[in-house]
Amino acid sequence: MGLATAGAVISEHEGLVLGTYVDPVGILTSCYGNTGLDSSGEKLQRGKVYTESECLMQLADDLVHFEKDINRLVK
């Protein structure tokens, strides 16, 4: 699965929230299910609002990191 396909699948199933929220298991989350850093490299903060463009950047950054991890672990 390519990054574009992965992004489409994730965005469809995660949904989009234009800000931070606490997910059902208590983890601070933003946009398309991001639990790490925002698109500017900052740690997520409660109550922060993001644009759709910022959320897409977060998703793209997440996908790049996930792809690197998968390629490193799967031979």
Protein backbone atom coordinates (compact mmCIF):
# COMPACT_ATOMS: atom_id res chain seq x y z
CA MET A 1 0.00 0.00 0.00
CA GLY A 2 1.43 3.38 -0.97
CA LEU A 3 1.44 6.44 1.26
CA ALA A 4 -1.42 8.07 -0.66
CA THR A 5 -3.60 4.98 -0.28
CA ALA A 6 -2.70 4.67 3.40
CA GLY A 7 -3.58 8.33 3.92
CA ALA A 8 -6.96 7.88 2.25
CA VAL A 9 -7.77 4.79 4.35
CA ILE A 10 -6.67 6.42 7.60
CA SER A 11 -8.53 9.67 6.94
CA GLU A 12 -11.73 7.79 6.08
CA HIS A 13 -11.65 5.58 9.17
CA GLU A 14 -10.22 8.01 11.72
CA GLY A 15 -12.28 11.02 10.73
CA LEU A 16 -11.11 14.60 11.12
CA VAL A 17 -11.22 16.74 14.24
CA LEU A 18 -9.77 20.23 13.71
CA GLY A 19 -8.09 20.35 17.09
CA THR A 20 -7.05 18.27 20.05
CA TYR A 21 -9.30 15.89 21.94
CA VAL A 22 -8.95 13.05 24.41
CA ASP A 23 -9.64 9.71 22.73
CA PRO A 24 -11.70 6.93 24.37
CA VAL A 25 -8.66 5.50 26.20
CA GLY A 26 -7.53 8.88 27.54
CA ILE A 27 -4.79 9.79 25.04
CA LEU A 28 -4.51 13.39 23.83
CA THR A 29 -5.06 13.21 20.07
CA SER A 30 -5.46 15.60 17.15
CA CYS A 31 -6.79 15.75 13.62
CA TYR A 32 -6.70 12.28 12.00
CA GLY A 33 -5.74 10.35 15.15
CA ASN A 34 -2.29 11.87 15.66
CA THR A 35 -0.94 11.16 19.14
CA GLY A 36 2.55 12.59 18.69
CA LEU A 37 3.69 16.00 17.57
CA ASP A 38 1.76 18.58 15.57
CA SER A 39 2.82 19.67 12.09
CA SER A 40 5.21 22.29 13.51
CA GLY A 41 7.00 19.69 15.65
CA GLU A 42 5.39 20.85 18.88
CA LYS A 43 3.92 18.51 21.49
CA LEU A 44 0.11 18.38 21.38
CA GLN A 45 -1.66 20.77 23.75
CA ARG A 46 -5.23 20.57 25.05
CA GLY A 47 -7.60 23.01 23.38
CA LYS A 48 -5.41 23.75 20.35
CA VAL A 49 -7.24 24.28 17.05
CA TYR A 50 -5.76 23.26 13.68
CA THR A 51 -6.65 24.04 10.09
CA GLU A 52 -7.44 21.25 7.67
CA SER A 53 -4.09 21.94 5.99
CA GLU A 54 -2.23 21.54 9.30
CA CYS A 55 -4.06 18.27 9.93
CA LEU A 56 -3.09 16.97 6.49
CA MET A 57 0.55 17.87 7.25
CA GLN A 58 0.34 15.93 10.54
CA LEU A 59 -1.05 12.92 8.69
CA ALA A 60 1.66 13.13 6.02
CA ASP A 61 4.39 13.38 8.67
CA ASP A 62 2.93 10.39 10.55
CA LEU A 63 2.81 8.31 7.37
CA VAL A 64 6.45 9.02 6.55
CA HIS A 65 7.53 7.96 10.06
CA PHE A 66 5.35 4.83 9.98
CA GLU A 67 6.68 3.85 6.56
CA LYS A 68 10.29 4.16 7.81
CA ASP A 69 9.48 1.97 10.82
CA ILE A 70 7.76 -0.67 8.69
CA ASN A 71 10.60 -0.75 6.15
CA ARG A 72 13.14 -1.13 8.94
CA LEU A 73 11.26 -3.99 10.60
CA VAL A 74 9.92 -5.93 7.61
CA LYS A 75 12.47 -7.67 5.43
